[in-house]
């Protein structure tokens, strides 16, 4: 149970940092930051599993995996929508 809560917190922080990097923070609230971070964590974990073993990584590695996935997700949303906003 605690791992799930920690993953949501890490995902939320990663989603917020990714929204700052991609300059979409003004349009996103805390719930959307958490959603982007958690989905980004799944996406980032899937992408990195193609290249390396990510099982057993620590909290910092989990954060950076979520951040990478969230940035990729926001980039894809911008690419598909053709707008500078999410």
N, C-alpha and C. Protein backbone atom coordinates (compact mmCIF):
# COMPACT_ATOMS: atom_id res chain seq x y z
N UNK A 1 0.82 -1.20 0.00
CA UNK A 1 0.00 0.00 0.00
C UNK A 1 0.86 1.25 0.00
N UNK A 2 1.91 1.27 0.82
CA UNK A 2 2.77 2.44 0.87
C UNK A 2 3.49 2.67 -0.44
N UNK A 3 3.85 1.60 -1.12
CA UNK A 3 4.54 1.74 -2.41
C UNK A 3 3.65 2.44 -3.41
N UNK A 4 2.36 2.16 -3.40
CA UNK A 4 1.43 2.81 -4.31
C UNK A 4 1.34 4.30 -4.02
N UNK A 5 1.27 4.67 -2.75
CA UNK A 5 1.19 6.08 -2.36
C UNK A 5 2.48 6.81 -2.73
N UNK A 6 3.62 6.18 -2.48
CA UNK A 6 4.91 6.77 -2.84
C UNK A 6 5.00 6.94 -4.36
N UNK A 7 4.51 5.97 -5.12
CA UNK A 7 4.55 6.06 -6.58
C UNK A 7 3.68 7.21 -7.07
N UNK A 8 2.55 7.45 -6.45
CA UNK A 8 1.69 8.57 -6.84
C UNK A 8 2.38 9.90 -6.51
N UNK A 9 3.03 9.98 -5.36
CA UNK A 9 3.74 11.20 -4.99
C UNK A 9 4.90 11.46 -5.96
N UNK A 10 5.69 10.44 -6.25
CA UNK A 10 6.80 10.58 -7.18
C UNK A 10 6.27 10.94 -8.57
N UNK A 11 5.19 10.30 -8.99
CA UNK A 11 4.58 10.61 -10.27
C UNK A 11 4.07 12.03 -10.34
N UNK A 12 3.47 12.51 -9.26
CA UNK A 12 2.99 13.88 -9.22
C UNK A 12 4.11 14.89 -9.33
N UNK A 13 5.19 14.66 -8.62
CA UNK A 13 6.34 15.56 -8.69
C UNK A 13 6.97 15.50 -10.07
N UNK A 14 7.12 14.30 -10.62
CA UNK A 14 7.69 14.17 -11.97
C UNK A 14 6.79 14.82 -13.02
N UNK A 15 5.48 14.68 -12.88
CA UNK A 15 4.56 15.32 -13.81
C UNK A 15 4.64 16.83 -13.74
N UNK A 16 4.81 17.36 -12.52
CA UNK A 16 4.94 18.81 -12.35
C UNK A 16 6.23 19.31 -12.97
N UNK A 17 7.35 18.62 -12.73
CA UNK A 17 8.64 19.01 -13.30
C UNK A 17 8.58 18.92 -14.83
N UNK A 18 7.96 17.86 -15.35
CA UNK A 18 7.84 17.70 -16.80
C UNK A 18 6.99 18.82 -17.39
N UNK A 19 5.94 19.24 -16.70
CA UNK A 19 5.11 20.33 -17.20
C UNK A 19 5.88 21.65 -17.19
N UNK A 20 6.80 21.82 -16.24
CA UNK A 20 7.68 22.99 -16.24
C UNK A 20 8.65 22.93 -17.41
N UNK A 21 9.22 21.75 -17.66
CA UNK A 21 10.17 21.58 -18.76
C UNK A 21 9.50 21.84 -20.10
N UNK A 22 8.30 21.30 -20.28
CA UNK A 22 7.58 21.43 -21.54
C UNK A 22 6.74 22.71 -21.61
N UNK A 23 6.81 23.54 -20.58
CA UNK A 23 6.10 24.83 -20.52
C UNK A 23 4.58 24.68 -20.68
N UNK A 24 4.02 23.69 -19.98
CA UNK A 24 2.57 23.49 -19.99
C UNK A 24 1.99 23.61 -18.59
N UNK A 25 2.77 24.12 -17.66
CA UNK A 25 2.34 24.16 -16.26
C UNK A 25 1.15 25.08 -16.03
N UNK A 26 1.02 26.14 -16.82
CA UNK A 26 -0.08 27.08 -16.62
C UNK A 26 -1.44 26.44 -16.91
N UNK A 27 -1.47 25.44 -17.78
CA UNK A 27 -2.72 24.80 -18.16
C UNK A 27 -3.05 23.57 -17.33
N UNK A 28 -2.11 23.09 -16.54
CA UNK A 28 -2.29 21.83 -15.82
C UNK A 28 -2.47 22.08 -14.33
N UNK A 29 -3.35 21.32 -13.71
CA UNK A 29 -3.53 21.38 -12.26
C UNK A 29 -2.81 20.21 -11.61
N UNK A 30 -2.99 20.08 -10.32
CA UNK A 30 -2.29 19.04 -9.57
C UNK A 30 -2.74 17.64 -9.98
N UNK A 31 -4.04 17.47 -10.25
CA UNK A 31 -4.54 16.15 -10.64
C UNK A 31 -3.95 15.73 -11.99
N UNK A 32 -3.92 16.66 -12.94
CA UNK A 32 -3.36 16.33 -14.26
C UNK A 32 -1.86 16.10 -14.17
N UNK A 33 -1.17 16.82 -13.30
CA UNK A 33 0.26 16.56 -13.08
C UNK A 33 0.48 15.15 -12.57
N UNK A 34 -0.34 14.70 -11.63
CA UNK A 34 -0.21 13.35 -11.09
C UNK A 34 -0.50 12.32 -12.18
N UNK A 35 -1.56 12.55 -12.95
CA UNK A 35 -1.92 11.61 -14.02
C UNK A 35 -0.80 11.53 -15.05
N UNK A 36 -0.28 12.67 -15.47
CA UNK A 36 0.81 12.69 -16.46
C UNK A 36 2.05 11.99 -15.89
N UNK A 37 2.35 12.23 -14.62
CA UNK A 37 3.52 11.59 -14.01
C UNK A 37 3.39 10.09 -13.89
N UNK A 38 2.22 9.61 -13.49
CA UNK A 38 2.02 8.16 -13.34
C UNK A 38 2.00 7.47 -14.70
N UNK A 39 1.27 8.04 -15.66
CA UNK A 39 1.26 7.47 -17.01
C UNK A 39 2.65 7.58 -17.62
N UNK A 40 3.32 8.69 -17.35
CA UNK A 40 4.70 8.85 -17.82
C UNK A 40 5.63 7.82 -17.21
N UNK A 41 5.40 7.48 -15.95
CA UNK A 41 6.21 6.43 -15.32
C UNK A 41 6.02 5.08 -16.00
N UNK A 42 4.78 4.78 -16.34
CA UNK A 42 4.52 3.54 -17.07
C UNK A 42 5.17 3.57 -18.45
N UNK A 43 5.03 4.70 -19.14
CA UNK A 43 5.62 4.84 -20.47
C UNK A 43 7.14 4.80 -20.40
N UNK A 44 7.71 5.54 -19.46
CA UNK A 44 9.17 5.54 -19.30
C UNK A 44 9.72 4.18 -18.92
N UNK A 45 9.02 3.49 -18.04
CA UNK A 45 9.45 2.14 -17.66
C UNK A 45 9.39 1.18 -18.82
N UNK A 46 8.36 1.30 -19.65
CA UNK A 46 8.23 0.43 -20.82
C UNK A 46 9.36 0.72 -21.83
N UNK A 47 9.64 2.00 -22.06
CA UNK A 47 10.70 2.36 -23.01
C UNK A 47 12.06 1.88 -22.52
N UNK A 48 12.35 2.10 -21.24
CA UNK A 48 13.66 1.70 -20.72
C UNK A 48 13.81 0.19 -20.63
N UNK A 49 12.71 -0.54 -20.45
CA UNK A 49 12.79 -2.00 -20.43
C UNK A 49 13.23 -2.58 -21.77
N UNK A 50 13.00 -1.83 -22.83
CA UNK A 50 13.44 -2.28 -24.15
C UNK A 50 14.97 -2.27 -24.25
N UNK A 51 15.61 -1.40 -23.47
CA UNK A 51 17.05 -1.22 -23.59
C UNK A 51 17.86 -1.74 -22.40
N UNK A 52 17.26 -1.77 -21.22
CA UNK A 52 18.01 -2.14 -20.03
C UNK A 52 17.08 -2.75 -18.97
N UNK A 53 17.66 -3.27 -17.92
CA UNK A 53 16.90 -3.83 -16.81
C UNK A 53 16.64 -2.74 -15.79
N UNK A 54 15.37 -2.38 -15.56
CA UNK A 54 15.03 -1.31 -14.62
C UNK A 54 14.41 -1.85 -13.33
N UNK A 55 14.33 -3.15 -13.19
CA UNK A 55 13.75 -3.73 -11.97
C UNK A 55 14.69 -3.51 -10.80
N UNK A 56 14.12 -3.20 -9.66
CA UNK A 56 14.91 -3.01 -8.45
C UNK A 56 15.60 -1.66 -8.37
N UNK A 57 15.19 -0.71 -9.20
CA UNK A 57 15.80 0.61 -9.15
C UNK A 57 15.30 1.36 -7.93
N UNK A 58 16.06 2.33 -7.48
CA UNK A 58 15.72 3.09 -6.28
C UNK A 58 14.74 4.22 -6.57
N UNK A 59 14.52 5.04 -5.55
CA UNK A 59 13.57 6.15 -5.68
C UNK A 59 14.02 7.18 -6.70
N UNK A 60 15.31 7.49 -6.73
CA UNK A 60 15.80 8.48 -7.70
C UNK A 60 15.63 7.96 -9.12
N UNK A 61 15.95 6.70 -9.35
CA UNK A 61 15.78 6.13 -10.68
C UNK A 61 14.30 6.11 -11.07
N UNK A 62 13.43 5.80 -10.13
CA UNK A 62 11.99 5.82 -10.39
C UNK A 62 11.54 7.23 -10.76
N UNK A 63 12.03 8.24 -10.05
CA UNK A 63 11.69 9.62 -10.36
C UNK A 63 12.12 9.98 -11.78
N UNK A 64 13.35 9.65 -12.14
CA UNK A 64 13.84 10.02 -13.47
C UNK A 64 13.15 9.23 -14.58
N UNK A 65 12.76 8.00 -14.30
CA UNK A 65 11.98 7.22 -15.27
C UNK A 65 10.61 7.87 -15.47
N UNK A 66 9.96 8.27 -14.38
CA UNK A 66 8.67 8.98 -14.48
C UNK A 66 8.82 10.30 -15.21
N UNK A 67 9.89 11.02 -14.92
CA UNK A 67 10.14 12.30 -15.57
C UNK A 67 10.35 12.13 -17.07
N UNK A 68 11.16 11.16 -17.44
CA UNK A 68 11.39 10.89 -18.87
C UNK A 68 10.10 10.53 -19.57
N UNK A 69 9.33 9.65 -18.99
CA UNK A 69 8.06 9.26 -19.59
C UNK A 69 7.06 10.40 -19.68
N UNK A 70 7.02 11.25 -18.64
CA UNK A 70 6.10 12.38 -18.64
C UNK A 70 6.48 13.40 -19.71
N UNK A 71 7.77 13.65 -19.88
CA UNK A 71 8.21 14.57 -20.93
C UNK A 71 7.86 14.01 -22.31
N UNK A 72 8.08 12.72 -22.51
CA UNK A 72 7.71 12.08 -23.78
C UNK A 72 6.21 12.18 -24.00
N UNK A 73 5.43 11.91 -22.97
CA UNK A 73 3.97 11.99 -23.08
C UNK A 73 3.51 13.40 -23.43
N UNK A 74 4.03 14.41 -22.76
CA UNK A 74 3.64 15.78 -23.07
C UNK A 74 4.08 16.19 -24.47
N UNK A 75 5.25 15.72 -24.90
CA UNK A 75 5.72 16.00 -26.26
C UNK A 75 4.76 15.39 -27.28
N UNK A 76 4.35 14.14 -27.04
CA UNK A 76 3.43 13.48 -27.97
C UNK A 76 2.07 14.17 -28.01
N UNK A 77 1.59 14.63 -26.85
CA UNK A 77 0.31 15.35 -26.81
C UNK A 77 0.41 16.64 -27.61
N UNK A 78 1.52 17.37 -27.44
CA UNK A 78 1.72 18.60 -28.21
C UNK A 78 1.82 18.30 -29.70
N UNK A 79 2.48 17.21 -30.05
CA UNK A 79 2.65 16.84 -31.45
C UNK A 79 1.30 16.48 -32.09
N UNK A 80 0.48 15.74 -31.38
CA UNK A 80 -0.81 15.31 -31.91
C UNK A 80 -1.80 16.46 -31.98
N UNK A 81 -1.85 17.28 -30.94
CA UNK A 81 -2.81 18.36 -30.93
C UNK A 81 -2.38 19.55 -31.78
N UNK A 82 -1.09 19.68 -32.00
CA UNK A 82 -0.59 20.78 -32.81
C UNK A 82 -0.67 22.11 -32.11
N UNK A 83 -0.87 22.07 -30.82
CA UNK A 83 -0.96 23.31 -30.03
C UNK A 83 0.22 23.39 -29.09
N UNK A 84 0.48 24.58 -28.58
CA UNK A 84 1.53 24.72 -27.59
C UNK A 84 1.02 24.45 -26.18
N UNK A 85 -0.29 24.24 -26.05
CA UNK A 85 -0.89 23.94 -24.74
C UNK A 85 -1.36 22.49 -24.70
N UNK A 86 -1.49 21.96 -23.48
CA UNK A 86 -2.03 20.61 -23.29
C UNK A 86 -3.51 20.71 -23.09
